Structure formats: structure tokens, C-alpha cells
Amino acid sequence: MTSQTASLTNPYNPNKTYFECRPFGMAEFDTAPYRYITNVELPCTPDALFDVFEDPASWPYWAVGIKKVEWTSPKPFRAGTTRTVTFADGTEVYERFIEWERGRGLAFVLDGHSSEIWHSFGERYRVRDLGSGRCHFEWTVCYEPRGAFAKAHPWVKPAMALAFKIYLFRLKRWCTKQARS
């Protein structure tokens, strides 16, 4: 476990504290100490699902706790793209995409965040076209907790898998609503 402290200046938002995350690569999605993989079949095409992922206004509707998503890189999105996600409690996370293949998959890692939560964090999305306007979505979340979250993690860990299933239930409901409109 790495011992990191808040830096004096947040390079993304000088009004918030900043906790840098250690580097995280694609291999960690298969080896991280805390790793969750959740799957769902969605009633949309892979391209329509990426439209949802790219739409900053959609996230607060299906991703519990997210208040705002701000893309900090212009389209077209690709490896190297960045965004800031703000949660309801005011925590900001500063994401960098390390993979982006529209309609097939993406992965991002945290460069840092404004609350002492993780030493490292990443998400990988894999999408497979099932035909007939449907797709399979596999979501991998990996992290190493830090601070108070690390201390509470033995008790929180069982709820994490359930929380990720709730996210995907809400995503499926959002995609169904989008397909009808």
C-alpha cells in the first residue's frame, strides 16, 4: 500500500484538496486486489450505449450518486481523453481514459480525487453486439482503498457487488427509456 498525502494544490480545482492516485494500467483489471465484474444485457445497440456514456446529462439519472460529468477533452473521445465527475457529496474524481474504442469498449483510471478514498481506481467497459438492437455489457471496477474507506472496507465490501448491480439495473432502465423515445 502506498502512503500518499494530499498535495497543497489541486491541479484540476484549486478550491479542493487533492489526492494523487498511483499509476494504473490495463493489466491491473485482471490482477487488482479488489475487483468486481458485473454483466447485463441491454436493449440497445453498442453505438446507442456509447451515446449514453458520452452524454454528460445521462449519468446523474442512472449512476447513483453522480451529480455532474464534465468532459475536459474535446470529441472525438479516445485514449488520453479526460473528464471530471462530481458526486453528490462534493467529491470530485479526475479521470483519464486509457482505452476508447467506440461501440466495443473503454477503460479509465483516476489520476486523482478530492477526498481520501483510493490509492488507485479504474473501470473497464466491454460491449458486445447481440444483434436485434441488444448488447452485452461487462463492467469491471478495480481499486485499492485508502484512509477511512480502507479501514471500513471489510464491512463495506459485501455491499459493493450489490451497488454495482443496482447501477446496471438503472442503466438498463435508462437505455429502455431512451429506446422508447
C-alpha atoms as a PDB file:
ATOM      1  CA  MET A   1       0.000   0.000   0.000  1.00  0.00           C
ATOM      2  CA  THR A   2       1.366   3.394  -0.985  1.00  0.00           C
ATOM      3  CA  SER A   3       1.439   6.232   1.542  1.00  0.00           C
ATOM      4  CA  GLN A   4       0.221   9.340  -0.252  1.00  0.00           C
ATOM      5  CA  THR A   5      -0.929  12.619   1.223  1.00  0.00           C
ATOM      6  CA  ALA A   6      -2.947  15.485  -0.131  1.00  0.00           C
ATOM      7  CA  SER A   7      -0.901  17.908  -2.175  1.00  0.00           C
ATOM      8  CA  LEU A   8      -1.067  21.623  -1.465  1.00  0.00           C
ATOM      9  CA  THR A   9      -2.592  22.474  -4.854  1.00  0.00           C
ATOM     10  CA  ASN A  10      -5.246  20.590  -6.772  1.00  0.00           C
ATOM     11  CA  PRO A  11      -4.234  20.827 -10.466  1.00  0.00           C
ATOM     12  CA  TYR A  12      -7.885  20.402 -11.516  1.00  0.00           C
ATOM     13  CA  ASN A  13      -9.706  22.537  -8.943  1.00  0.00           C
ATOM     14  CA  PRO A  14      -7.672  24.803  -6.636  1.00  0.00           C
ATOM     15  CA  ASN A  15     -10.664  25.060  -4.260  1.00  0.00           C
ATOM     16  CA  LYS A  16     -10.482  21.348  -3.352  1.00  0.00           C
ATOM     17  CA  THR A  17      -7.898  19.133  -1.703  1.00  0.00           C
ATOM     18  CA  TYR A  18      -6.128  16.684  -3.978  1.00  0.00           C
ATOM     19  CA  PHE A  19      -5.101  13.072  -3.506  1.00  0.00           C
ATOM     20  CA  GLU A  20      -2.997  11.716  -6.343  1.00  0.00           C
ATOM     21  CA  CYS A  21      -3.586   8.121  -7.422  1.00  0.00           C
ATOM     22  CA  ARG A  22      -0.755   5.778  -8.254  1.00  0.00           C
ATOM     23  CA  PRO A  23      -0.405   4.751 -11.913  1.00  0.00           C
ATOM     24  CA  PHE A  24      -2.818   2.042 -13.038  1.00  0.00           C
ATOM     25  CA  GLY A  25      -2.539   0.100 -16.303  1.00  0.00           C
ATOM     26  CA  MET A  26      -4.706  -2.300 -18.296  1.00  0.00           C
ATOM     27  CA  ALA A  27      -3.065  -5.362 -16.679  1.00  0.00           C
ATOM     28  CA  GLU A  28      -4.484  -4.330 -13.292  1.00  0.00           C
ATOM     29  CA  PHE A  29      -8.002  -5.031 -14.492  1.00  0.00           C
ATOM     30  CA  ASP A  30      -7.038  -8.704 -14.230  1.00  0.00           C
ATOM     31  CA  THR A  31      -4.868  -8.538 -11.095  1.00  0.00           C
ATOM     32  CA  ALA A  32      -6.178  -5.801  -8.749  1.00  0.00           C
ATOM     33  CA  PRO A  33      -6.802  -6.854  -5.128  1.00  0.00           C
ATOM     34  CA  TYR A  34     -10.388  -5.562  -5.215  1.00  0.00           C
ATOM     35  CA  ARG A  35     -12.083  -6.373  -8.482  1.00  0.00           C
ATOM     36  CA  TYR A  36     -15.775  -6.560  -9.322  1.00  0.00           C
ATOM     37  CA  ILE A  37     -17.186  -7.768 -12.630  1.00  0.00           C
ATOM     38  CA  THR A  38     -20.872  -7.180 -13.350  1.00  0.00           C
ATOM     39  CA  ASN A  39     -22.751  -8.087 -16.541  1.00  0.00           C
ATOM     40  CA  VAL A  40     -26.065  -7.095 -18.072  1.00  0.00           C
ATOM     41  CA  GLU A  41     -27.895  -7.445 -21.379  1.00  0.00           C
ATOM     42  CA  LEU A  42     -29.125  -4.058 -22.568  1.00  0.00           C
ATOM     43  CA  PRO A  43     -31.943  -3.169 -25.002  1.00  0.00           C
ATOM     44  CA  CYS A  44     -29.770  -1.010 -27.260  1.00  0.00           C
ATOM     45  CA  THR A  45     -27.032  -1.228 -29.843  1.00  0.00           C
ATOM     46  CA  PRO A  46     -23.404  -0.766 -28.795  1.00  0.00           C
ATOM     47  CA  ASP A  47     -23.370   2.661 -30.500  1.00  0.00           C
ATOM     48  CA  ALA A  48     -26.507   3.732 -28.617  1.00  0.00           C
ATOM     49  CA  LEU A  49     -24.870   2.628 -25.357  1.00  0.00           C
ATOM     50  CA  PHE A  50     -21.824   4.764 -26.146  1.00  0.00           C
ATOM     51  CA  ASP A  51     -24.185   7.676 -26.819  1.00  0.00           C
ATOM     52  CA  VAL A  52     -25.346   7.234 -23.204  1.00  0.00           C
ATOM     53  CA  PHE A  53     -21.747   7.059 -21.938  1.00  0.00           C
ATOM     54  CA  GLU A  54     -20.797  10.203 -23.887  1.00  0.00           C
ATOM     55  CA  ASP A  55     -23.834  12.214 -22.733  1.00  0.00           C
ATOM     56  CA  PRO A  56     -22.865  14.062 -19.549  1.00  0.00           C
ATOM     57  CA  ALA A  57     -26.529  14.715 -18.712  1.00  0.00           C
ATOM     58  CA  SER A  58     -27.416  10.986 -18.628  1.00  0.00           C
ATOM     59  CA  TRP A  59     -25.063   9.975 -15.789  1.00  0.00           C
ATOM     60  CA  PRO A  60     -26.993  11.502 -12.868  1.00  0.00           C
ATOM     61  CA  TYR A  61     -30.125   9.609 -13.982  1.00  0.00           C
ATOM     62  CA  TRP A  62     -28.682   6.110 -13.886  1.00  0.00           C
ATOM     63  CA  ALA A  63     -25.433   6.354 -11.897  1.00  0.00           C
ATOM     64  CA  VAL A  64     -26.446   6.697  -8.251  1.00  0.00           C
ATOM     65  CA  GLY A  65     -24.517   9.451  -6.503  1.00  0.00           C
ATOM     66  CA  ILE A  66     -23.161  11.207  -9.583  1.00  0.00           C
ATOM     67  CA  LYS A  67     -24.181  14.855  -9.664  1.00  0.00           C
ATOM     68  CA  LYS A  68     -22.256  16.066 -12.712  1.00  0.00           C
ATOM     69  CA  VAL A  69     -19.996  14.797 -15.506  1.00  0.00           C
ATOM     70  CA  GLU A  70     -17.780  17.252 -17.327  1.00  0.00           C
ATOM     71  CA  TRP A  71     -15.723  16.190 -20.336  1.00  0.00           C
ATOM     72  CA  THR A  72     -12.456  18.113 -20.162  1.00  0.00           C
ATOM     73  CA  SER A  73     -11.246  16.911 -23.573  1.00  0.00           C
ATOM     74  CA  PRO A  74     -12.941  17.589 -26.901  1.00  0.00           C
ATOM     75  CA  LYS A  75     -14.510  14.955 -29.124  1.00  0.00           C
ATOM     76  CA  PRO A  76     -13.659  12.614 -30.640  1.00  0.00           C
ATOM     77  CA  PHE A  77     -13.020  10.744 -27.406  1.00  0.00           C
ATOM     78  CA  ARG A  78     -10.061   8.356 -27.383  1.00  0.00           C
ATOM     79  CA  ALA A  79      -7.222   7.142 -25.162  1.00  0.00           C
ATOM     80  CA  GLY A  80      -5.968  10.229 -23.350  1.00  0.00           C
ATOM     81  CA  THR A  81      -9.420  11.826 -23.044  1.00  0.00           C
ATOM     82  CA  THR A  82     -10.137  13.329 -19.611  1.00  0.00           C
ATOM     83  CA  ARG A  83     -13.204  14.173 -17.575  1.00  0.00           C
ATOM     84  CA  THR A  84     -14.160  15.315 -14.089  1.00  0.00           C
ATOM     85  CA  VAL A  85     -17.002  13.606 -12.240  1.00  0.00           C
ATOM     86  CA  THR A  86     -18.623  15.321  -9.262  1.00  0.00           C
ATOM     87  CA  PHE A  87     -20.536  13.258  -6.713  1.00  0.00           C
ATOM     88  CA  ALA A  88     -23.465  14.377  -4.558  1.00  0.00           C
ATOM     89  CA  ASP A  89     -21.188  14.781  -1.519  1.00  0.00           C
ATOM     90  CA  GLY A  90     -18.946  17.198  -3.472  1.00  0.00           C
ATOM     91  CA  THR A  91     -16.133  14.712  -4.115  1.00  0.00           C
ATOM     92  CA  GLU A  92     -14.510  15.207  -7.495  1.00  0.00           C
ATOM     93  CA  VAL A  93     -12.656  12.466  -9.374  1.00  0.00           C
ATOM     94  CA  TYR A  94     -10.277  13.249 -12.219  1.00  0.00           C
ATOM     95  CA  GLU A  95     -10.399  10.520 -14.854  1.00  0.00           C
ATOM     96  CA  ARG A  96      -8.126   9.710 -17.774  1.00  0.00           C
ATOM     97  CA  PHE A  97      -9.190   7.200 -20.414  1.00  0.00           C
ATOM     98  CA  ILE A  98      -6.527   4.652 -21.257  1.00  0.00           C
ATOM     99  CA  GLU A  99      -8.662   2.893 -23.868  1.00  0.00           C
ATOM    100  CA  TRP A 100     -11.520   4.046 -26.082  1.00  0.00           C
ATOM    101  CA  GLU A 101     -12.977   2.033 -28.925  1.00  0.00           C
ATOM    102  CA  ARG A 102     -16.483   3.294 -29.613  1.00  0.00           C
ATOM    103  CA  GLY A 103     -19.060   0.514 -29.619  1.00  0.00           C
ATOM    104  CA  ARG A 104     -16.614  -2.046 -28.222  1.00  0.00           C
ATOM    105  CA  GLY A 105     -15.010  -0.869 -25.013  1.00  0.00           C
ATOM    106  CA  LEU A 106     -13.320   1.747 -22.931  1.00  0.00           C
ATOM    107  CA  ALA A 107     -11.278   1.981 -19.761  1.00  0.00           C
ATOM    108  CA  PHE A 108     -10.423   4.845 -17.466  1.00  0.00           C
ATOM    109  CA  VAL A 109      -8.289   5.348 -14.388  1.00  0.00           C
ATOM    110  CA  LEU A 110      -8.221   8.048 -11.755  1.00  0.00           C
ATOM    111  CA  ASP A 111      -5.294  10.404 -11.833  1.00  0.00           C
ATOM    112  CA  GLY A 112      -6.569  11.805  -8.532  1.00  0.00           C
ATOM    113  CA  HIS A 113      -9.571  12.843  -6.450  1.00  0.00           C
ATOM    114  CA  SER A 114     -10.620  15.411  -3.875  1.00  0.00           C
ATOM    115  CA  SER A 115     -11.427  13.008  -0.997  1.00  0.00           C
ATOM    116  CA  GLU A 116      -9.178  10.423   0.601  1.00  0.00           C
ATOM    117  CA  ILE A 117     -10.796   7.287  -0.851  1.00  0.00           C
ATOM    118  CA  TRP A 118      -8.454   5.352  -3.185  1.00  0.00           C
ATOM    119  CA  HIS A 119      -4.770   4.706  -3.790  1.00  0.00           C
ATOM    120  CA  SER A 120      -5.763   3.514  -7.273  1.00  0.00           C
ATOM    121  CA  PHE A 121      -9.023   3.122  -9.174  1.00  0.00           C
ATOM    122  CA  GLY A 122     -10.065   2.058 -12.662  1.00  0.00           C
ATOM    123  CA  GLU A 123     -13.090   0.922 -14.646  1.00  0.00           C
ATOM    124  CA  ARG A 124     -13.224  -1.131 -17.834  1.00  0.00           C
ATOM    125  CA  TYR A 125     -16.318  -1.417 -20.044  1.00  0.00           C
ATOM    126  CA  ARG A 126     -16.633  -4.226 -22.586  1.00  0.00           C
ATOM    127  CA  VAL A 127     -19.556  -4.187 -25.035  1.00  0.00           C
ATOM    128  CA  ARG A 128     -20.606  -6.980 -27.384  1.00  0.00           C
ATOM    129  CA  ASP A 129     -23.297  -6.628 -30.056  1.00  0.00           C
ATOM    130  CA  LEU A 130     -26.007  -9.295 -29.690  1.00  0.00           C
ATOM    131  CA  GLY A 131     -27.979  -8.177 -32.756  1.00  0.00           C
ATOM    132  CA  SER A 132     -31.639  -7.156 -32.849  1.00  0.00           C
ATOM    133  CA  GLY A 133     -30.876  -3.886 -31.052  1.00  0.00           C
ATOM    134  CA  ARG A 134     -29.328  -5.536 -27.981  1.00  0.00           C
ATOM    135  CA  CYS A 135     -25.870  -5.674 -26.485  1.00  0.00           C
ATOM    136  CA  HIS A 136     -23.999  -7.338 -23.642  1.00  0.00           C
ATOM    137  CA  PHE A 137     -22.190  -5.014 -21.233  1.00  0.00           C
ATOM    138  CA  GLU A 138     -19.420  -6.187 -18.900  1.00  0.00           C
ATOM    139  CA  TRP A 139     -18.304  -3.681 -16.266  1.00  0.00           C
ATOM    140  CA  THR A 140     -15.099  -4.215 -14.302  1.00  0.00           C
ATOM    141  CA  VAL A 141     -14.296  -1.990 -11.335  1.00  0.00           C
ATOM    142  CA  CYS A 142     -10.888  -2.271  -9.630  1.00  0.00           C
ATOM    143  CA  TYR A 143      -9.382  -0.294  -6.806  1.00  0.00           C
ATOM    144  CA  GLU A 144      -7.160  -0.134  -3.766  1.00  0.00           C
ATOM    145  CA  PRO A 145      -8.886   1.721  -0.904  1.00  0.00           C
ATOM    146  CA  ARG A 146      -7.156   4.276   1.313  1.00  0.00           C
ATOM    147  CA  GLY A 147      -7.810   6.240   4.506  1.00  0.00           C
ATOM    148  CA  ALA A 148     -11.114   5.751   6.316  1.00  0.00           C
ATOM    149  CA  PHE A 149     -12.509   3.817   3.334  1.00  0.00           C
ATOM    150  CA  ALA A 150      -9.697   1.272   3.653  1.00  0.00           C
ATOM    151  CA  LYS A 151     -10.455   0.845   7.359  1.00  0.00           C
ATOM    152  CA  ALA A 152     -14.191   0.402   6.714  1.00  0.00           C
ATOM    153  CA  HIS A 153     -13.695  -1.725   3.599  1.00  0.00           C
ATOM    154  CA  PRO A 154     -14.062  -5.152   5.280  1.00  0.00           C
ATOM    155  CA  TRP A 155     -17.616  -4.143   6.206  1.00  0.00           C
ATOM    156  CA  VAL A 156     -18.359  -2.220   3.004  1.00  0.00           C
ATOM    157  CA  LYS A 157     -17.027  -4.824   0.571  1.00  0.00           C
ATOM    158  CA  PRO A 158     -20.141  -7.063   0.624  1.00  0.00           C
ATOM    159  CA  ALA A 159     -22.333  -4.113  -0.331  1.00  0.00           C
ATOM    160  CA  MET A 160     -20.140  -3.153  -3.283  1.00  0.00           C
ATOM    161  CA  ALA A 161     -21.280  -6.009  -5.559  1.00  0.00           C
ATOM    162  CA  LEU A 162     -24.903  -5.164  -4.815  1.00  0.00           C
ATOM    163  CA  ALA A 163     -24.285  -1.473  -5.522  1.00  0.00           C
ATOM    164  CA  PHE A 164     -22.791  -2.302  -8.926  1.00  0.00           C
ATOM    165  CA  LYS A 165     -25.829  -4.460  -9.778  1.00  0.00           C
ATOM    166  CA  ILE A 166     -28.089  -1.534  -8.863  1.00  0.00           C
ATOM    167  CA  TYR A 167     -26.111   0.734 -11.206  1.00  0.00           C
ATOM    168  CA  LEU A 168     -26.612  -1.718 -14.068  1.00  0.00           C
ATOM    169  CA  PHE A 169     -30.317  -2.165 -13.268  1.00  0.00           C
ATOM    170  CA  ARG A 170     -30.679   1.616 -13.505  1.00  0.00           C
ATOM    171  CA  LEU A 171     -28.587   1.723 -16.703  1.00  0.00           C
ATOM    172  CA  LYS A 172     -30.857  -0.906 -18.275  1.00  0.00           C
ATOM    173  CA  ARG A 173     -33.920   1.100 -17.258  1.00  0.00           C
ATOM    174  CA  TRP A 174     -32.342   4.278 -18.733  1.00  0.00           C
ATOM    175  CA  CYS A 175     -31.470   2.521 -22.011  1.00  0.00           C
ATOM    176  CA  THR A 176     -35.020   1.117 -22.241  1.00  0.00           C
ATOM    177  CA  LYS A 177     -36.425   4.627 -21.739  1.00  0.00           C
ATOM    178  CA  GLN A 178     -34.064   6.050 -24.378  1.00  0.00           C
ATOM    179  CA  ALA A 179     -35.001   3.321 -26.871  1.00  0.00           C
ATOM    180  CA  ARG A 180     -38.718   4.170 -26.472  1.00  0.00           C
ATOM    181  CA  SER A 181     -38.219   7.909 -27.021  1.00  0.00           C
END
